[in-house]
Amino acid sequence: MSVATGTFATTNSSNLPAESAAPALTGEMPASAAPAAGGPLAEAAAALGVSEEVLHNALGEPGQGQPNLTAVAQQLGVTVEALEAALGTMPNLERP
């Protein structure tokens, strides 16, 4: 039985080195797995000058109960009136 010695490059079916064929493990969520942007929350976030993620975090998860708009406005650095105007008629939001 013969055993090959030396340095070998591992390849996959596309003949690329294995390390360039695998996705990088960066700890970031791939774009395809990210929540879809758009809709009322994205519009409200844009009107307030914050990201959709920041607005979502400030409002909390739906299962946490009704958000306090005064506290949310303070957290975002906007007025309650501006927050109400941006949120418009989004359902299930408690007024302060």
N, C-alpha and C. Protein backbone atom coordinates (compact mmCIF):
# COMPACT_ATOMS: atom_id res chain seq x y z
N MET A 1 0.84 -1.17 0.00
CA MET A 1 0.00 0.00 0.00
C MET A 1 0.88 1.23 0.00
N SER A 2 0.60 2.17 -0.88
CA SER A 2 1.41 3.38 -0.91
C SER A 2 0.63 4.52 -0.28
N VAL A 3 1.33 5.37 0.42
CA VAL A 3 0.72 6.53 1.08
C VAL A 3 1.35 7.77 0.47
N ALA A 4 0.50 8.66 0.01
CA ALA A 4 1.00 9.89 -0.58
C ALA A 4 1.41 10.84 0.54
N THR A 5 2.49 11.56 0.31
CA THR A 5 2.93 12.54 1.28
C THR A 5 3.04 13.88 0.59
N GLY A 6 3.04 14.93 1.37
CA GLY A 6 3.16 16.27 0.81
C GLY A 6 1.96 17.12 1.17
N THR A 7 1.83 18.24 0.51
CA THR A 7 0.73 19.18 0.78
C THR A 7 -0.32 19.00 -0.28
N PHE A 8 -1.56 18.87 0.14
CA PHE A 8 -2.66 18.68 -0.79
C PHE A 8 -3.71 19.76 -0.58
N ALA A 9 -4.32 20.15 -1.66
CA ALA A 9 -5.44 21.10 -1.58
C ALA A 9 -6.73 20.31 -1.71
N THR A 10 -7.63 20.55 -0.80
CA THR A 10 -8.92 19.88 -0.86
C THR A 10 -9.81 20.66 -1.81
N THR A 11 -10.49 19.95 -2.69
CA THR A 11 -11.39 20.62 -3.62
C THR A 11 -12.77 20.02 -3.53
N ASN A 12 -13.74 20.76 -4.03
CA ASN A 12 -15.10 20.24 -4.09
C ASN A 12 -15.45 20.03 -5.55
N SER A 13 -16.70 19.73 -5.83
CA SER A 13 -17.09 19.41 -7.21
C SER A 13 -16.90 20.58 -8.17
N SER A 14 -16.80 21.80 -7.66
CA SER A 14 -16.59 22.95 -8.55
C SER A 14 -15.11 23.24 -8.76
N ASN A 15 -14.25 22.40 -8.19
CA ASN A 15 -12.79 22.55 -8.30
C ASN A 15 -12.27 23.82 -7.64
N LEU A 16 -13.02 24.34 -6.69
CA LEU A 16 -12.54 25.47 -5.90
C LEU A 16 -11.98 24.93 -4.60
N PRO A 17 -11.00 25.58 -4.04
CA PRO A 17 -10.51 25.14 -2.73
C PRO A 17 -11.68 25.10 -1.75
N ALA A 18 -11.69 24.12 -0.86
CA ALA A 18 -12.81 23.93 0.06
C ALA A 18 -13.08 25.18 0.89
N GLU A 19 -12.03 25.88 1.29
CA GLU A 19 -12.25 27.06 2.13
C GLU A 19 -12.99 28.18 1.40
N SER A 20 -12.89 28.27 0.08
CA SER A 20 -13.62 29.32 -0.63
C SER A 20 -15.00 28.84 -1.06
N ALA A 21 -15.28 27.55 -0.96
CA ALA A 21 -16.59 27.03 -1.33
C ALA A 21 -17.57 27.13 -0.17
N ALA A 22 -17.07 27.14 1.06
CA ALA A 22 -17.93 27.21 2.23
C ALA A 22 -18.21 28.66 2.58
N PRO A 23 -19.42 28.96 3.07
CA PRO A 23 -19.71 30.33 3.49
C PRO A 23 -18.87 30.70 4.70
N ALA A 24 -18.52 31.94 4.80
CA ALA A 24 -17.74 32.41 5.93
C ALA A 24 -18.59 32.38 7.19
N LEU A 25 -18.02 32.00 8.29
CA LEU A 25 -18.73 32.00 9.56
C LEU A 25 -18.42 33.29 10.28
N THR A 26 -19.25 34.29 10.07
CA THR A 26 -19.00 35.61 10.64
C THR A 26 -19.86 35.91 11.84
N GLY A 27 -20.84 35.07 12.13
CA GLY A 27 -21.75 35.35 13.22
C GLY A 27 -22.89 36.25 12.80
N GLU A 28 -22.90 36.69 11.56
CA GLU A 28 -23.96 37.54 11.07
C GLU A 28 -25.03 36.68 10.42
N MET A 29 -26.27 37.17 10.50
CA MET A 29 -27.37 36.45 9.87
C MET A 29 -27.31 36.70 8.37
N PRO A 30 -27.40 35.64 7.55
CA PRO A 30 -27.39 35.86 6.11
C PRO A 30 -28.62 36.68 5.71
N ALA A 31 -28.48 37.47 4.67
CA ALA A 31 -29.55 38.34 4.23
C ALA A 31 -30.83 37.56 3.94
N SER A 32 -30.69 36.34 3.44
CA SER A 32 -31.87 35.55 3.12
C SER A 32 -32.63 35.12 4.37
N ALA A 33 -32.00 35.14 5.53
CA ALA A 33 -32.66 34.75 6.77
C ALA A 33 -33.16 35.95 7.55
N ALA A 34 -32.81 37.14 7.13
CA ALA A 34 -33.24 38.35 7.83
C ALA A 34 -34.72 38.59 7.59
N PRO A 35 -35.39 39.23 8.57
CA PRO A 35 -36.80 39.54 8.36
C PRO A 35 -36.98 40.44 7.15
N ALA A 36 -38.05 40.24 6.47
CA ALA A 36 -38.33 41.05 5.28
C ALA A 36 -38.55 42.50 5.68
N ALA A 37 -37.88 43.38 5.01
CA ALA A 37 -38.04 44.81 5.28
C ALA A 37 -39.25 45.32 4.53
N GLY A 38 -39.79 46.39 5.02
CA GLY A 38 -40.94 46.98 4.37
C GLY A 38 -42.16 46.92 5.26
N GLY A 39 -43.24 47.42 4.76
CA GLY A 39 -44.47 47.40 5.52
C GLY A 39 -44.58 48.57 6.46
N PRO A 40 -45.61 48.57 7.28
CA PRO A 40 -45.88 49.71 8.15
C PRO A 40 -44.78 50.02 9.15
N LEU A 41 -44.15 49.00 9.71
CA LEU A 41 -43.09 49.25 10.68
C LEU A 41 -41.89 49.92 10.04
N ALA A 42 -41.52 49.49 8.84
CA ALA A 42 -40.40 50.09 8.13
C ALA A 42 -40.72 51.54 7.75
N GLU A 43 -41.96 51.78 7.34
CA GLU A 43 -42.36 53.15 7.00
C GLU A 43 -42.32 54.05 8.23
N ALA A 44 -42.81 53.54 9.35
CA ALA A 44 -42.79 54.32 10.59
C ALA A 44 -41.36 54.61 11.02
N ALA A 45 -40.49 53.61 10.91
CA ALA A 45 -39.09 53.80 11.29
C ALA A 45 -38.43 54.87 10.42
N ALA A 46 -38.70 54.81 9.13
CA ALA A 46 -38.12 55.81 8.22
C ALA A 46 -38.62 57.21 8.57
N ALA A 47 -39.90 57.33 8.88
CA ALA A 47 -40.47 58.64 9.24
C ALA A 47 -39.84 59.19 10.52
N LEU A 48 -39.43 58.29 11.41
CA LEU A 48 -38.83 58.71 12.68
C LEU A 48 -37.32 58.86 12.59
N GLY A 49 -36.73 58.42 11.49
CA GLY A 49 -35.29 58.53 11.32
C GLY A 49 -34.51 57.49 12.11
N VAL A 50 -35.14 56.33 12.35
CA VAL A 50 -34.46 55.24 13.05
C VAL A 50 -34.56 53.99 12.18
N SER A 51 -33.79 52.98 12.52
CA SER A 51 -33.88 51.74 11.76
C SER A 51 -35.12 50.97 12.19
N GLU A 52 -35.56 50.07 11.34
CA GLU A 52 -36.71 49.23 11.66
C GLU A 52 -36.41 48.38 12.90
N GLU A 53 -35.18 47.91 13.01
CA GLU A 53 -34.78 47.10 14.16
C GLU A 53 -34.87 47.90 15.46
N VAL A 54 -34.41 49.15 15.43
CA VAL A 54 -34.46 50.00 16.62
C VAL A 54 -35.90 50.23 17.04
N LEU A 55 -36.77 50.53 16.07
CA LEU A 55 -38.18 50.75 16.38
C LEU A 55 -38.82 49.47 16.92
N HIS A 56 -38.54 48.36 16.28
CA HIS A 56 -39.07 47.07 16.73
C HIS A 56 -38.65 46.78 18.17
N ASN A 57 -37.38 47.00 18.47
CA ASN A 57 -36.87 46.74 19.82
C ASN A 57 -37.52 47.67 20.84
N ALA A 58 -37.73 48.93 20.46
CA ALA A 58 -38.35 49.89 21.37
C ALA A 58 -39.81 49.53 21.65
N LEU A 59 -40.51 49.06 20.63
CA LEU A 59 -41.91 48.69 20.80
C LEU A 59 -42.06 47.37 21.55
N GLY A 60 -41.06 46.49 21.44
CA GLY A 60 -41.12 45.20 22.10
C GLY A 60 -41.85 44.17 21.25
N GLU A 61 -41.79 42.96 21.71
CA GLU A 61 -42.46 41.85 21.03
C GLU A 61 -43.95 41.91 21.29
N PRO A 62 -44.77 41.50 20.32
CA PRO A 62 -46.22 41.54 20.51
C PRO A 62 -46.68 40.78 21.76
N GLY A 63 -46.03 39.70 22.12
CA GLY A 63 -46.42 38.92 23.28
C GLY A 63 -46.13 39.59 24.62
N GLN A 64 -45.41 40.71 24.59
CA GLN A 64 -45.06 41.42 25.83
C GLN A 64 -46.16 42.37 26.28
N GLY A 65 -47.23 42.46 25.54
CA GLY A 65 -48.29 43.38 25.90
C GLY A 65 -48.16 44.69 25.15
N GLN A 66 -49.03 45.61 25.49
CA GLN A 66 -49.08 46.91 24.80
C GLN A 66 -47.87 47.76 25.18
N PRO A 67 -47.23 48.39 24.19
CA PRO A 67 -46.10 49.28 24.51
C PRO A 67 -46.62 50.61 25.07
N ASN A 68 -45.85 51.20 25.93
CA ASN A 68 -46.15 52.53 26.46
C ASN A 68 -45.51 53.52 25.50
N LEU A 69 -46.34 54.24 24.75
CA LEU A 69 -45.81 55.13 23.71
C LEU A 69 -44.96 56.26 24.27
N THR A 70 -45.25 56.70 25.49
CA THR A 70 -44.41 57.74 26.10
C THR A 70 -43.00 57.23 26.32
N ALA A 71 -42.88 56.01 26.85
CA ALA A 71 -41.56 55.42 27.08
C ALA A 71 -40.86 55.13 25.76
N VAL A 72 -41.60 54.65 24.76
CA VAL A 72 -41.01 54.37 23.45
C VAL A 72 -40.49 55.66 22.83
N ALA A 73 -41.28 56.71 22.88
CA ALA A 73 -40.87 58.00 22.31
C ALA A 73 -39.60 58.52 22.99
N GLN A 74 -39.55 58.41 24.31
CA GLN A 74 -38.35 58.84 25.04
C GLN A 74 -37.14 58.03 24.62
N GLN A 75 -37.33 56.72 24.50
CA GLN A 75 -36.22 55.85 24.10
C GLN A 75 -35.71 56.21 22.71
N LEU A 76 -36.62 56.58 21.79
CA LEU A 76 -36.23 56.91 20.42
C LEU A 76 -35.78 58.37 20.27
N GLY A 77 -36.03 59.18 21.29
CA GLY A 77 -35.65 60.59 21.20
C GLY A 77 -36.58 61.40 20.31
N VAL A 78 -37.86 61.03 20.30
CA VAL A 78 -38.86 61.74 19.50
C VAL A 78 -40.03 62.10 20.41
N THR A 79 -40.92 62.94 19.91
CA THR A 79 -42.11 63.28 20.69
C THR A 79 -43.15 62.17 20.54
N VAL A 80 -44.06 62.10 21.49
CA VAL A 80 -45.15 61.14 21.41
C VAL A 80 -45.99 61.42 20.17
N GLU A 81 -46.18 62.70 19.88
CA GLU A 81 -46.96 63.09 18.70
C GLU A 81 -46.32 62.59 17.41
N ALA A 82 -44.99 62.72 17.31
CA ALA A 82 -44.28 62.25 16.12
C ALA A 82 -44.38 60.73 16.02
N LEU A 83 -44.27 60.05 17.16
CA LEU A 83 -44.37 58.59 17.18
C LEU A 83 -45.77 58.16 16.75
N GLU A 84 -46.80 58.80 17.31
CA GLU A 84 -48.18 58.47 16.93
C GLU A 84 -48.42 58.71 15.45
N ALA A 85 -47.91 59.82 14.94
CA ALA A 85 -48.10 60.13 13.51
C ALA A 85 -47.40 59.09 12.64
N ALA A 86 -46.21 58.68 13.03
CA ALA A 86 -45.46 57.70 12.24
C ALA A 86 -46.13 56.33 12.30
N LEU A 87 -46.65 55.97 13.46
CA LEU A 87 -47.29 54.66 13.60
C LEU A 87 -48.67 54.64 12.96
N GLY A 88 -49.28 55.79 12.81
CA GLY A 88 -50.58 55.89 12.14
C GLY A 88 -51.62 55.03 12.81
N THR A 89 -52.21 54.16 12.03
CA THR A 89 -53.31 53.33 12.52
C THR A 89 -52.87 51.91 12.79
N MET A 90 -51.58 51.70 13.07
CA MET A 90 -51.13 50.34 13.39
C MET A 90 -51.94 49.84 14.58
N PRO A 91 -52.49 48.64 14.49
CA PRO A 91 -53.36 48.14 15.55
C PRO A 91 -52.60 47.79 16.82
N ASN A 92 -53.34 47.75 17.90
CA ASN A 92 -52.87 47.25 19.18
C ASN A 92 -51.78 48.11 19.85
N LEU A 93 -51.78 49.39 19.61
CA LEU A 93 -50.81 50.24 20.27
C LEU A 93 -51.55 51.13 21.28
N GLU A 94 -51.09 51.06 22.52
CA GLU A 94 -51.72 51.81 23.59
C GLU A 94 -51.28 53.26 23.52
N ARG A 95 -52.22 54.16 23.69
CA ARG A 95 -51.88 55.58 23.75
C ARG A 95 -51.48 55.90 25.18
N PRO A 96 -50.54 56.83 25.35
CA PRO A 96 -50.10 57.17 26.71
C PRO A 96 -51.21 57.82 27.53
